[in-house]
Amino acid sequence: MVIESAPSRVYNRVVAGEESSGGAPETLTEEQAERMLTEINEVIRAGEEMRALRAEMIQVFAGLGWTQDTIARLAGMSQPAVSKQMTKHRDAPPAPPALTLDQSDAPWLEGRLWGLAEEISELLDGTAHCTRHLDALGRGRKRFTPQTVDALRRLVEADLRVSAAELPTGFRAAYDTVSRGLDVPARDTPPSASASVRRALARQLQRDRLRGD
C-alpha cells in the first residue's frame, strides 16, 4: 500500500479535477519561458550598458574640468567610487568633446534624432507614433542600428506630418537637418568618444535646444 504525502494528494486532486473537466495541468511552454528570459536578459544587458556609459561620461566630465566631488554629487555616487572609475582610465584620458549641436558623425545625428523624438512624444502625451519605438530603445529591447534608426526616422516624420499643428515649427527644421545629415555619410575624422557617449550628449543638447534652454 502506497501512502501519499499531503502535497502529493493535493497535486493529484488538482490534476484529476482538471482532467475530469477537460482541462490540462497549468504549465509554461518553452516559448513563454523563452520570452520571459529574453526580457530579463534585455534588462540586464541594458543595465550593463548604462553602467558602462556612466563610466565613460565620468571621464568626459572630468575632461571638461569638473571635480570629482561635483561629478559624485550629480551622479549620486560617492567620491571614492568616482575616483575609482577615473583611475581605470588614468593612462588614456579622453579629449574633451566638442559640444556644438551641428556635428555630422552618425552617432551624433542619431542622438539628435533620439532627443527630438523624445520631445515629440512628451508634447503629444505619449500618443506619438514614435513612442513605442523610443521605449524599446530606452529599455534596451532595441539597439541603435541602421534599421532601427531608419524606423525611428519614419515614425518621427509621421508625427511631424500628422501633428504639425500641435508641434513647434522648430521641430521640423531640426528633423530636416538631422535627416539630411544621416543621408550623407560624414567625411570627417571619427571622434574619439564612443558612439554611446556621442548619442547621449547629442540627445541632451538637442532637447535643450528645442526647449530653448
N, C-alpha and C. Protein backbone atom coordinates (compact mmCIF):
# COMPACT_ATOMS: atom_id res chain seq x y z
N MET A 1 0.85 -1.19 0.00
CA MET A 1 0.00 0.00 0.00
C MET A 1 0.88 1.23 0.00
N VAL A 2 0.63 2.12 -0.96
CA VAL A 2 1.42 3.34 -1.07
C VAL A 2 0.70 4.47 -0.35
N ILE A 3 1.39 5.10 0.57
CA ILE A 3 0.82 6.22 1.32
C ILE A 3 1.31 7.52 0.70
N GLU A 4 0.40 8.33 0.23
CA GLU A 4 0.77 9.60 -0.40
C GLU A 4 0.96 10.68 0.66
N SER A 5 1.91 11.55 0.40
CA SER A 5 2.10 12.71 1.27
C SER A 5 0.99 13.72 0.98
N ALA A 6 0.81 14.69 1.90
CA ALA A 6 -0.24 15.70 1.73
C ALA A 6 -0.05 16.52 0.47
N PRO A 7 1.18 17.00 0.17
CA PRO A 7 1.35 17.76 -1.08
C PRO A 7 1.02 16.93 -2.31
N SER A 8 1.39 15.63 -2.28
CA SER A 8 1.09 14.78 -3.43
C SER A 8 -0.40 14.62 -3.62
N ARG A 9 -1.11 14.45 -2.49
CA ARG A 9 -2.57 14.28 -2.60
C ARG A 9 -3.21 15.53 -3.16
N VAL A 10 -2.74 16.71 -2.73
CA VAL A 10 -3.31 17.96 -3.24
C VAL A 10 -3.05 18.08 -4.73
N TYR A 11 -1.80 17.80 -5.14
CA TYR A 11 -1.44 17.90 -6.56
C TYR A 11 -2.28 16.95 -7.40
N ASN A 12 -2.40 15.70 -6.93
CA ASN A 12 -3.15 14.70 -7.69
C ASN A 12 -4.62 15.08 -7.81
N ARG A 13 -5.17 15.69 -6.75
CA ARG A 13 -6.57 16.10 -6.83
C ARG A 13 -6.74 17.21 -7.85
N VAL A 14 -5.79 18.14 -7.87
CA VAL A 14 -5.88 19.24 -8.83
C VAL A 14 -5.80 18.73 -10.26
N VAL A 15 -4.83 17.82 -10.49
CA VAL A 15 -4.67 17.27 -11.83
C VAL A 15 -5.90 16.47 -12.22
N ALA A 16 -6.38 15.66 -11.29
CA ALA A 16 -7.56 14.84 -11.58
C ALA A 16 -8.76 15.71 -11.89
N GLY A 17 -8.90 16.82 -11.13
CA GLY A 17 -10.01 17.72 -11.37
C GLY A 17 -9.93 18.37 -12.74
N GLU A 18 -8.70 18.75 -13.13
CA GLU A 18 -8.52 19.38 -14.43
C GLU A 18 -8.81 18.39 -15.55
N GLU A 19 -8.33 17.12 -15.34
CA GLU A 19 -8.55 16.13 -16.38
C GLU A 19 -10.03 15.81 -16.53
N SER A 20 -10.74 15.77 -15.39
CA SER A 20 -12.15 15.45 -15.46
C SER A 20 -12.95 16.57 -16.09
N SER A 21 -12.46 17.79 -15.99
CA SER A 21 -13.19 18.92 -16.57
C SER A 21 -12.72 19.23 -17.99
N GLY A 22 -11.85 18.37 -18.51
CA GLY A 22 -11.39 18.56 -19.87
C GLY A 22 -10.23 19.51 -20.00
N GLY A 23 -9.69 20.02 -18.89
CA GLY A 23 -8.56 20.95 -18.94
C GLY A 23 -7.25 20.22 -18.92
N ALA A 24 -6.17 20.99 -18.89
CA ALA A 24 -4.83 20.41 -18.83
C ALA A 24 -4.09 21.04 -17.67
N PRO A 25 -3.14 20.34 -17.07
CA PRO A 25 -2.39 20.93 -15.96
C PRO A 25 -1.73 22.24 -16.40
N GLU A 26 -1.80 23.24 -15.53
CA GLU A 26 -1.19 24.53 -15.86
C GLU A 26 0.32 24.40 -15.87
N THR A 27 0.92 24.93 -16.93
CA THR A 27 2.37 24.89 -17.03
C THR A 27 2.80 26.00 -17.97
N LEU A 28 4.11 26.19 -18.11
CA LEU A 28 4.65 27.16 -19.04
C LEU A 28 5.20 26.43 -20.25
N THR A 29 4.94 26.98 -21.41
CA THR A 29 5.54 26.41 -22.61
C THR A 29 6.97 26.93 -22.74
N GLU A 30 7.73 26.28 -23.58
CA GLU A 30 9.10 26.74 -23.82
C GLU A 30 9.10 28.14 -24.43
N GLU A 31 8.09 28.42 -25.25
CA GLU A 31 8.01 29.73 -25.88
C GLU A 31 7.78 30.82 -24.82
N GLN A 32 6.90 30.54 -23.85
CA GLN A 32 6.65 31.50 -22.78
C GLN A 32 7.90 31.73 -21.94
N ALA A 33 8.57 30.63 -21.61
CA ALA A 33 9.79 30.75 -20.81
C ALA A 33 10.86 31.53 -21.57
N GLU A 34 10.95 31.27 -22.88
CA GLU A 34 11.95 31.98 -23.69
C GLU A 34 11.67 33.48 -23.71
N ARG A 35 10.40 33.86 -23.85
CA ARG A 35 10.05 35.28 -23.85
C ARG A 35 10.41 35.93 -22.52
N MET A 36 10.10 35.25 -21.42
CA MET A 36 10.42 35.79 -20.10
C MET A 36 11.92 35.99 -19.92
N LEU A 37 12.69 34.96 -20.28
CA LEU A 37 14.14 35.04 -20.11
C LEU A 37 14.75 36.08 -21.05
N THR A 38 14.18 36.20 -22.23
CA THR A 38 14.68 37.21 -23.17
C THR A 38 14.49 38.61 -22.60
N GLU A 39 13.31 38.87 -22.02
CA GLU A 39 13.05 40.18 -21.43
C GLU A 39 13.99 40.44 -20.25
N ILE A 40 14.22 39.41 -19.44
CA ILE A 40 15.14 39.57 -18.30
C ILE A 40 16.55 39.87 -18.80
N ASN A 41 16.98 39.14 -19.81
CA ASN A 41 18.32 39.36 -20.36
C ASN A 41 18.46 40.76 -20.95
N GLU A 42 17.38 41.26 -21.56
CA GLU A 42 17.42 42.61 -22.12
C GLU A 42 17.60 43.66 -21.03
N VAL A 43 16.90 43.47 -19.91
CA VAL A 43 17.04 44.41 -18.80
C VAL A 43 18.45 44.38 -18.23
N ILE A 44 18.99 43.16 -18.08
CA ILE A 44 20.36 43.01 -17.57
C ILE A 44 21.35 43.67 -18.50
N ARG A 45 21.20 43.41 -19.81
CA ARG A 45 22.12 43.99 -20.79
C ARG A 45 22.03 45.51 -20.79
N ALA A 46 20.79 46.03 -20.71
CA ALA A 46 20.62 47.48 -20.69
C ALA A 46 21.28 48.08 -19.46
N GLY A 47 21.17 47.37 -18.32
CA GLY A 47 21.81 47.86 -17.10
C GLY A 47 23.31 47.89 -17.23
N GLU A 48 23.87 46.84 -17.83
CA GLU A 48 25.32 46.80 -18.02
C GLU A 48 25.78 47.90 -18.96
N GLU A 49 25.00 48.15 -20.02
CA GLU A 49 25.37 49.19 -20.97
C GLU A 49 25.26 50.57 -20.34
N MET A 50 24.28 50.77 -19.46
CA MET A 50 24.15 52.06 -18.79
C MET A 50 25.29 52.29 -17.80
N ARG A 51 25.73 51.24 -17.12
CA ARG A 51 26.87 51.38 -16.22
C ARG A 51 28.13 51.74 -17.00
N ALA A 52 28.30 51.11 -18.16
CA ALA A 52 29.46 51.42 -19.00
C ALA A 52 29.37 52.86 -19.51
N LEU A 53 28.17 53.29 -19.88
CA LEU A 53 28.00 54.67 -20.36
C LEU A 53 28.29 55.66 -19.25
N ARG A 54 27.81 55.37 -18.04
CA ARG A 54 28.09 56.28 -16.93
C ARG A 54 29.59 56.40 -16.67
N ALA A 55 30.29 55.28 -16.75
CA ALA A 55 31.74 55.31 -16.54
C ALA A 55 32.41 56.19 -17.59
N GLU A 56 31.95 56.09 -18.84
CA GLU A 56 32.52 56.91 -19.90
C GLU A 56 32.17 58.38 -19.70
N MET A 57 30.95 58.65 -19.25
CA MET A 57 30.54 60.04 -19.05
C MET A 57 31.33 60.69 -17.92
N ILE A 58 31.70 59.90 -16.92
CA ILE A 58 32.53 60.43 -15.84
C ILE A 58 33.85 60.93 -16.40
N GLN A 59 34.42 60.18 -17.35
CA GLN A 59 35.66 60.61 -17.98
C GLN A 59 35.45 61.90 -18.79
N VAL A 60 34.31 61.98 -19.44
CA VAL A 60 34.01 63.19 -20.22
C VAL A 60 33.91 64.41 -19.31
N PHE A 61 33.17 64.26 -18.22
CA PHE A 61 33.00 65.38 -17.30
C PHE A 61 34.33 65.80 -16.68
N ALA A 62 35.15 64.80 -16.37
CA ALA A 62 36.47 65.11 -15.82
C ALA A 62 37.31 65.87 -16.85
N GLY A 63 37.19 65.44 -18.13
CA GLY A 63 37.92 66.13 -19.19
C GLY A 63 37.47 67.56 -19.38
N LEU A 64 36.22 67.85 -18.99
CA LEU A 64 35.70 69.21 -19.07
C LEU A 64 36.09 70.06 -17.87
N GLY A 65 36.83 69.44 -16.94
CA GLY A 65 37.34 70.18 -15.80
C GLY A 65 36.51 70.10 -14.53
N TRP A 66 35.52 69.21 -14.50
CA TRP A 66 34.69 69.09 -13.30
C TRP A 66 35.44 68.31 -12.23
N THR A 67 35.22 68.68 -10.99
CA THR A 67 35.89 68.00 -9.88
C THR A 67 35.18 66.67 -9.58
N GLN A 68 35.90 65.79 -8.91
CA GLN A 68 35.31 64.51 -8.53
C GLN A 68 34.12 64.70 -7.59
N ASP A 69 34.21 65.68 -6.70
CA ASP A 69 33.10 65.93 -5.77
C ASP A 69 31.84 66.34 -6.53
N THR A 70 32.00 67.20 -7.54
CA THR A 70 30.86 67.65 -8.33
C THR A 70 30.25 66.49 -9.11
N ILE A 71 31.10 65.69 -9.74
CA ILE A 71 30.61 64.55 -10.51
C ILE A 71 29.89 63.57 -9.59
N ALA A 72 30.46 63.31 -8.43
CA ALA A 72 29.84 62.37 -7.48
C ALA A 72 28.46 62.86 -7.05
N ARG A 73 28.36 64.16 -6.78
CA ARG A 73 27.07 64.71 -6.34
C ARG A 73 26.02 64.59 -7.44
N LEU A 74 26.39 64.91 -8.66
CA LEU A 74 25.43 64.87 -9.76
C LEU A 74 25.05 63.43 -10.14
N ALA A 75 25.99 62.52 -9.98
CA ALA A 75 25.74 61.13 -10.36
C ALA A 75 25.13 60.31 -9.23
N GLY A 76 25.03 60.88 -8.04
CA GLY A 76 24.51 60.12 -6.92
C GLY A 76 25.46 59.03 -6.48
N MET A 77 26.75 59.30 -6.62
CA MET A 77 27.78 58.32 -6.25
C MET A 77 28.65 58.89 -5.14
N SER A 78 29.44 58.03 -4.55
CA SER A 78 30.41 58.51 -3.56
C SER A 78 31.65 59.01 -4.30
N GLN A 79 32.38 59.90 -3.65
CA GLN A 79 33.60 60.41 -4.28
C GLN A 79 34.63 59.30 -4.52
N PRO A 80 34.80 58.36 -3.57
CA PRO A 80 35.73 57.26 -3.85
C PRO A 80 35.32 56.42 -5.06
N ALA A 81 34.00 56.24 -5.27
CA ALA A 81 33.55 55.47 -6.42
C ALA A 81 33.89 56.18 -7.73
N VAL A 82 33.73 57.50 -7.73
CA VAL A 82 34.09 58.28 -8.91
C VAL A 82 35.60 58.21 -9.14
N SER A 83 36.36 58.33 -8.06
CA SER A 83 37.82 58.27 -8.17
C SER A 83 38.26 56.92 -8.74
N LYS A 84 37.59 55.85 -8.34
CA LYS A 84 37.91 54.51 -8.84
C LYS A 84 37.67 54.43 -10.34
N GLN A 85 36.55 55.00 -10.79
CA GLN A 85 36.25 54.98 -12.22
C GLN A 85 37.29 55.76 -13.01
N MET A 86 37.73 56.89 -12.47
CA MET A 86 38.70 57.71 -13.17
C MET A 86 40.08 57.05 -13.20
N THR A 87 40.40 56.31 -12.14
CA THR A 87 41.70 55.64 -12.08
C THR A 87 41.82 54.58 -13.15
N LYS A 88 40.70 53.92 -13.49
CA LYS A 88 40.73 52.87 -14.51
C LYS A 88 41.19 53.41 -15.86
N HIS A 89 40.91 54.69 -16.12
CA HIS A 89 41.24 55.26 -17.42
C HIS A 89 42.31 56.35 -17.30
N ARG A 90 43.10 56.27 -16.25
CA ARG A 90 44.08 57.33 -15.97
C ARG A 90 45.13 57.43 -17.08
N ASP A 91 45.48 56.31 -17.71
CA ASP A 91 46.55 56.32 -18.71
C ASP A 91 46.09 56.89 -20.05
N ALA A 92 44.79 56.95 -20.28
CA ALA A 92 44.31 57.42 -21.58
C ALA A 92 43.09 58.32 -21.41
N PRO A 93 43.27 59.50 -20.80
CA PRO A 93 42.13 60.40 -20.61
C PRO A 93 41.62 60.91 -21.96
N PRO A 94 40.31 60.87 -22.19
CA PRO A 94 39.78 61.31 -23.48
C PRO A 94 39.86 62.82 -23.63
N ALA A 95 39.99 63.27 -24.86
CA ALA A 95 39.97 64.71 -25.13
C ALA A 95 38.55 65.22 -24.89
N PRO A 96 38.41 66.43 -24.35
CA PRO A 96 37.06 66.98 -24.14
C PRO A 96 36.30 67.04 -25.46
N PRO A 97 35.07 66.58 -25.49
CA PRO A 97 34.31 66.58 -26.75
C PRO A 97 33.82 67.97 -27.11
N ALA A 98 33.66 68.21 -28.39
CA ALA A 98 33.02 69.45 -28.85
C ALA A 98 31.54 69.37 -28.49
N LEU A 99 30.99 70.48 -28.02
CA LEU A 99 29.60 70.48 -27.57
C LEU A 99 28.72 71.38 -28.43
N THR A 100 29.11 71.56 -29.69
CA THR A 100 28.26 72.28 -30.63
C THR A 100 27.25 71.31 -31.22
N LEU A 101 26.03 71.77 -31.42
CA LEU A 101 24.97 70.87 -31.87
C LEU A 101 25.19 70.41 -33.31
N ASP A 102 25.76 71.27 -34.14
CA ASP A 102 25.91 70.96 -35.56
C ASP A 102 27.18 70.15 -35.81
N GLN A 103 27.09 68.84 -35.61
CA GLN A 103 28.17 67.91 -35.91
C GLN A 103 27.61 66.82 -36.81
N SER A 104 28.47 66.22 -37.62
CA SER A 104 27.96 65.41 -38.73
C SER A 104 28.19 63.92 -38.63
N ASP A 105 28.81 63.40 -37.54
CA ASP A 105 29.00 61.95 -37.47
C ASP A 105 27.68 61.27 -37.13
N ALA A 106 27.56 60.02 -37.55
CA ALA A 106 26.29 59.30 -37.43
C ALA A 106 25.80 59.18 -35.98
N PRO A 107 26.63 58.77 -35.00
CA PRO A 107 26.11 58.67 -33.64
C PRO A 107 25.57 60.01 -33.10
N TRP A 108 26.23 61.10 -33.48
CA TRP A 108 25.76 62.42 -33.02
C TRP A 108 24.38 62.72 -33.61
N LEU A 109 24.23 62.46 -34.90
CA LEU A 109 22.94 62.71 -35.54
C LEU A 109 21.86 61.78 -35.00
N GLU A 110 22.23 60.54 -34.70
CA GLU A 110 21.27 59.62 -34.09
C GLU A 110 20.82 60.11 -32.73
N GLY A 111 21.75 60.67 -31.96
CA GLY A 111 21.38 61.23 -30.67
C GLY A 111 20.44 62.42 -30.80
N ARG A 112 20.69 63.25 -31.81
CA ARG A 112 19.78 64.39 -32.05
C ARG A 112 18.39 63.90 -32.42
N LEU A 113 18.33 62.87 -33.26
CA LEU A 113 17.04 62.29 -33.64
C LEU A 113 16.32 61.72 -32.42
N TRP A 114 17.07 61.07 -31.57
CA TRP A 114 16.54 60.49 -30.32
C TRP A 114 15.95 61.59 -29.44
N GLY A 115 16.69 62.66 -29.25
CA GLY A 115 16.20 63.76 -28.43
C GLY A 115 14.96 64.41 -29.01
N LEU A 116 14.95 64.60 -30.32
CA LEU A 116 13.78 65.17 -30.99
C LEU A 116 12.56 64.28 -30.80
N ALA A 117 12.75 62.98 -30.98
CA ALA A 117 11.63 62.05 -30.82
C ALA A 117 11.08 62.08 -29.40
N GLU A 118 11.96 62.18 -28.41
CA GLU A 118 11.50 62.24 -27.02
C GLU A 118 10.68 63.49 -26.77
N GLU A 119 11.11 64.61 -27.32
CA GLU A 119 10.35 65.85 -27.14
C GLU A 119 8.98 65.73 -27.79
N ILE A 120 8.93 65.13 -28.98
CA ILE A 120 7.64 64.93 -29.66
C ILE A 120 6.73 64.04 -28.82
N SER A 121 7.28 62.95 -28.31
CA SER A 121 6.48 62.01 -27.52
C SER A 121 5.91 62.68 -26.27
N GLU A 122 6.73 63.50 -25.61
CA GLU A 122 6.26 64.17 -24.40
C GLU A 122 5.18 65.21 -24.71
N LEU A 123 5.39 65.98 -25.77
CA LEU A 123 4.41 67.01 -26.11
C LEU A 123 3.07 66.41 -26.54
N LEU A 124 3.13 65.22 -27.13
CA LEU A 124 1.90 64.55 -27.57
C LEU A 124 1.38 63.57 -26.52
N ASP A 125 1.89 63.68 -25.30
CA ASP A 125 1.41 62.88 -24.16
C ASP A 125 1.46 61.38 -24.43
N GLY A 126 2.54 60.93 -25.07
CA GLY A 126 2.72 59.51 -25.27
C GLY A 126 1.91 58.91 -26.39
N THR A 127 1.15 59.73 -27.14
CA THR A 127 0.33 59.20 -28.23
C THR A 127 1.07 59.26 -29.57
N ALA A 128 2.29 59.71 -29.57
CA ALA A 128 3.05 59.84 -30.82
C ALA A 128 3.33 58.47 -31.44
N HIS A 129 3.50 58.47 -32.75
CA HIS A 129 3.83 57.23 -33.45
C HIS A 129 5.16 56.65 -32.95
N CYS A 130 6.07 57.54 -32.56
CA CYS A 130 7.41 57.09 -32.20
C CYS A 130 7.55 56.60 -30.77
N THR A 131 6.51 56.71 -29.96
CA THR A 131 6.63 56.44 -28.52
C THR A 131 7.06 55.01 -28.22
N ARG A 132 6.43 54.03 -28.83
CA ARG A 132 6.77 52.63 -28.53
C ARG A 132 8.19 52.29 -28.96
N HIS A 133 8.59 52.81 -30.10
CA HIS A 133 9.95 52.58 -30.58
C HIS A 133 10.96 53.20 -29.63
N LEU A 134 10.66 54.41 -29.16
CA LEU A 134 11.53 55.08 -28.19
C LEU A 134 11.65 54.27 -26.91
N ASP A 135 10.53 53.75 -26.45
CA ASP A 135 10.53 52.95 -25.22
C ASP A 135 11.42 51.72 -25.38
N ALA A 136 11.35 51.09 -26.53
CA ALA A 136 12.17 49.90 -26.79
C ALA A 136 13.66 50.26 -26.81
N LEU A 137 14.00 51.40 -27.39
CA LEU A 137 15.39 51.83 -27.41
C LEU A 137 15.88 52.19 -26.01
N GLY A 138 15.02 52.89 -25.27
CA GLY A 138 15.41 53.32 -23.93
C GLY A 138 15.57 52.17 -22.95
N ARG A 139 14.79 51.11 -23.13
CA ARG A 139 14.85 49.96 -22.23
C ARG A 139 15.81 48.87 -22.70
N GLY A 140 16.47 49.11 -23.82
CA GLY A 140 17.44 48.14 -24.29
C GLY A 140 16.86 47.00 -25.09
N ARG A 141 15.55 47.04 -25.38
CA ARG A 141 14.96 45.97 -26.19
C ARG A 141 15.37 46.10 -27.65
N LYS A 142 15.70 47.32 -28.04
CA LYS A 142 16.24 47.56 -29.37
C LYS A 142 17.55 48.34 -29.22
N ARG A 143 18.44 48.14 -30.17
CA ARG A 143 19.70 48.87 -30.18
C ARG A 143 19.73 49.83 -31.36
N PHE A 144 20.66 50.77 -31.30
CA PHE A 144 20.80 51.69 -32.41
C PHE A 144 21.55 50.98 -33.55
N THR A 145 20.81 50.68 -34.58
CA THR A 145 21.36 50.08 -35.79
C THR A 145 20.81 50.89 -36.97
N PRO A 146 21.37 50.72 -38.16
CA PRO A 146 20.80 51.44 -39.31
C PRO A 146 19.31 51.17 -39.48
N GLN A 147 18.88 49.94 -39.18
CA GLN A 147 17.47 49.59 -39.34
C GLN A 147 16.59 50.30 -38.30
N THR A 148 17.01 50.28 -37.03
CA THR A 148 16.19 50.92 -36.00
C THR A 148 16.20 52.44 -36.14
N VAL A 149 17.31 53.00 -36.60
CA VAL A 149 17.36 54.44 -36.83
C VAL A 149 16.44 54.83 -37.98
N ASP A 150 16.45 54.06 -39.07
CA ASP A 150 15.55 54.33 -40.18
C ASP A 150 14.09 54.24 -39.73
N ALA A 151 13.79 53.25 -38.90
CA ALA A 151 12.42 53.11 -38.39
C ALA A 151 12.03 54.33 -37.56
N LEU A 152 12.95 54.80 -36.72
CA LEU A 152 12.67 55.98 -35.90
C LEU A 152 12.47 57.21 -36.77
N ARG A 153 13.27 57.34 -37.82
CA ARG A 153 13.09 58.47 -38.74
C ARG A 153 11.70 58.47 -39.34
N ARG A 154 11.24 57.31 -39.79
CA ARG A 154 9.91 57.24 -40.42
C ARG A 154 8.81 57.60 -39.42
N LEU A 155 8.96 57.14 -38.19
CA LEU A 155 7.95 57.42 -37.17
C LEU A 155 7.93 58.89 -36.79
N VAL A 156 9.11 59.49 -36.66
CA VAL A 156 9.18 60.92 -36.34
C VAL A 156 8.59 61.74 -37.48
N GLU A 157 8.91 61.36 -38.70
CA GLU A 157 8.36 62.09 -39.85
C GLU A 157 6.83 62.00 -39.87
N ALA A 158 6.31 60.83 -39.53
CA ALA A 158 4.85 60.67 -39.48
C ALA A 158 4.25 61.57 -38.41
N ASP A 159 4.90 61.67 -37.26
CA ASP A 159 4.39 62.55 -36.20
C ASP A 159 4.42 64.01 -36.63
N LEU A 160 5.50 64.41 -37.28
CA LEU A 160 5.61 65.80 -37.74
C LEU A 160 4.56 66.12 -38.79
N ARG A 161 4.19 65.14 -39.59
CA ARG A 161 3.18 65.35 -40.62
C ARG A 161 1.76 65.38 -40.03
N VAL A 162 1.48 64.38 -39.20
CA VAL A 162 0.12 64.24 -38.67
C VAL A 162 -0.19 65.28 -37.59
N SER A 163 0.81 65.62 -36.79
CA SER A 163 0.58 66.51 -35.64
C SER A 163 1.27 67.86 -35.81
N ALA A 164 1.40 68.31 -37.04
CA ALA A 164 2.12 69.55 -37.32
C ALA A 164 1.54 70.74 -36.56
N ALA A 165 0.22 70.76 -36.42
CA ALA A 165 -0.42 71.90 -35.74
C ALA A 165 -0.13 71.93 -34.25
N GLU A 166 0.26 70.80 -33.67
CA GLU A 166 0.50 70.72 -32.23
C GLU A 166 1.97 70.85 -31.86
N LEU A 167 2.84 70.86 -32.85
CA LEU A 167 4.28 70.88 -32.57
C LEU A 167 4.91 72.18 -33.06
N PRO A 168 5.90 72.69 -32.33
CA PRO A 168 6.60 73.90 -32.77
C PRO A 168 7.25 73.71 -34.13
N THR A 169 7.35 74.78 -34.89
CA THR A 169 7.94 74.68 -36.23
C THR A 169 9.42 74.30 -36.17
N GLY A 170 10.07 74.62 -35.06
CA GLY A 170 11.48 74.28 -34.92
C GLY A 170 11.73 72.78 -34.94
N PHE A 171 10.71 71.98 -34.62
CA PHE A 171 10.87 70.54 -34.64
C PHE A 171 11.10 70.03 -36.07
N ARG A 172 10.33 70.57 -37.00
CA ARG A 172 10.50 70.16 -38.39
C ARG A 172 11.87 70.58 -38.91
N ALA A 173 12.31 71.78 -38.56
CA ALA A 173 13.63 72.25 -39.00
C ALA A 173 14.73 71.35 -38.46
N ALA A 174 14.62 70.96 -37.18
CA ALA A 174 15.62 70.09 -36.58
C ALA A 174 15.63 68.73 -37.28
N TYR A 175 14.44 68.21 -37.57
CA TYR A 175 14.37 66.91 -38.24
C TYR A 175 14.99 66.98 -39.63
N ASP A 176 14.69 68.02 -40.37
CA ASP A 176 15.23 68.13 -41.72
C ASP A 176 16.75 68.16 -41.70
N THR A 177 17.33 68.88 -40.74
CA THR A 177 18.79 68.96 -40.63
C THR A 177 19.38 67.58 -40.32
N VAL A 178 18.79 66.90 -39.35
CA VAL A 178 19.28 65.58 -38.96
C VAL A 178 19.12 64.59 -40.10
N SER A 179 17.98 64.62 -40.76
CA SER A 179 17.71 63.67 -41.84
C SER A 179 18.69 63.85 -42.99
N ARG A 180 18.96 65.10 -43.35
CA ARG A 180 19.93 65.34 -44.43
C ARG A 180 21.31 64.82 -44.03
N GLY A 181 21.68 65.03 -42.77
CA GLY A 181 22.98 64.55 -42.30
C GLY A 181 23.10 63.05 -42.33
N LEU A 182 22.04 62.35 -41.96
CA LEU A 182 22.07 60.89 -41.97
C LEU A 182 22.10 60.32 -43.38
N ASP A 183 21.59 61.09 -44.34
CA ASP A 183 21.60 60.64 -45.73
C ASP A 183 22.97 60.77 -46.37
N VAL A 184 23.81 61.65 -45.82
CA VAL A 184 25.14 61.89 -46.38
C VAL A 184 26.19 61.52 -45.35
N PRO A 185 26.91 60.41 -45.50
CA PRO A 185 27.91 59.99 -44.51
C PRO A 185 28.97 61.06 -44.30
N ALA A 186 29.35 61.23 -43.03
CA ALA A 186 30.36 62.23 -42.69
C ALA A 186 31.73 61.81 -43.22
N ARG A 187 32.50 62.78 -43.68
CA ARG A 187 33.85 62.50 -44.17
C ARG A 187 34.91 62.97 -43.18
N ASP A 188 34.48 63.49 -42.05
CA ASP A 188 35.43 63.97 -41.05
C ASP A 188 36.09 62.81 -40.33
N THR A 189 37.17 63.12 -39.60
CA THR A 189 37.83 62.12 -38.77
C THR A 189 36.89 61.70 -37.64
N PRO A 190 36.71 60.40 -37.41
CA PRO A 190 35.80 59.96 -36.35
C PRO A 190 36.21 60.51 -34.99
N PRO A 191 35.26 60.99 -34.18
CA PRO A 191 35.58 61.49 -32.85
C PRO A 191 36.14 60.39 -31.96
N SER A 192 36.87 60.80 -30.93
CA SER A 192 37.49 59.82 -30.04
C SER A 192 36.49 59.19 -29.08
N ALA A 193 35.43 59.89 -28.74
CA ALA A 193 34.44 59.36 -27.80
C ALA A 193 33.64 58.23 -28.45
N SER A 194 33.13 57.32 -27.62
CA SER A 194 32.36 56.18 -28.13
C SER A 194 31.03 56.66 -28.71
N ALA A 195 30.42 55.78 -29.52
CA ALA A 195 29.14 56.11 -30.13
C ALA A 195 28.07 56.36 -29.07
N SER A 196 28.07 55.58 -28.00
CA SER A 196 27.04 55.75 -26.97
C SER A 196 27.18 57.09 -26.27
N VAL A 197 28.42 57.52 -26.03
CA VAL A 197 28.64 58.84 -25.42
C VAL A 197 28.19 59.93 -26.36
N ARG A 198 28.54 59.80 -27.64
CA ARG A 198 28.15 60.81 -28.63
C ARG A 198 26.63 60.93 -28.70
N ARG A 199 25.93 59.80 -28.71
CA ARG A 199 24.47 59.83 -28.77
C ARG A 199 23.90 60.52 -27.52
N ALA A 200 24.42 60.15 -26.36
CA ALA A 200 23.89 60.70 -25.11
C ALA A 200 24.07 62.22 -25.05
N LEU A 201 25.23 62.70 -25.45
CA LEU A 201 25.48 64.15 -25.44
C LEU A 201 24.58 64.87 -26.43
N ALA A 202 24.49 64.35 -27.65
CA ALA A 202 23.68 64.99 -28.68
C ALA A 202 22.20 64.98 -28.30
N ARG A 203 21.76 63.89 -27.71
CA ARG A 203 20.35 63.79 -27.27
C ARG A 203 20.02 64.91 -26.29
N GLN A 204 20.89 65.10 -25.30
CA GLN A 204 20.62 66.12 -24.29
C GLN A 204 20.69 67.52 -24.87
N LEU A 205 21.69 67.78 -25.69
CA LEU A 205 21.83 69.11 -26.29
C LEU A 205 20.66 69.43 -27.22
N GLN A 206 20.20 68.42 -27.97
CA GLN A 206 19.06 68.64 -28.86
C GLN A 206 17.81 68.95 -28.07
N ARG A 207 17.56 68.24 -26.99
CA ARG A 207 16.39 68.50 -26.17
C ARG A 207 16.45 69.90 -25.56
N ASP A 208 17.62 70.28 -25.09
CA ASP A 208 17.77 71.62 -24.51
C ASP A 208 17.52 72.70 -25.57
N ARG A 209 18.02 72.47 -26.79
CA ARG A 209 17.81 73.45 -27.86
C ARG A 209 16.33 73.61 -28.18
N LEU A 210 15.63 72.48 -28.27
CA LEU A 210 14.20 72.53 -28.60
C LEU A 210 13.39 73.20 -27.50
N ARG A 211 13.85 73.08 -26.28
CA ARG A 211 13.15 73.71 -25.15
C ARG A 211 13.54 75.17 -24.97
N GLY A 212 14.57 75.59 -25.72
CA GLY A 212 15.03 76.96 -25.59
C GLY A 212 15.93 77.20 -24.41
N ASP A 213 16.48 76.11 -23.81
CA ASP A 213 17.38 76.26 -22.65
C ASP A 213 18.76 76.73 -23.09
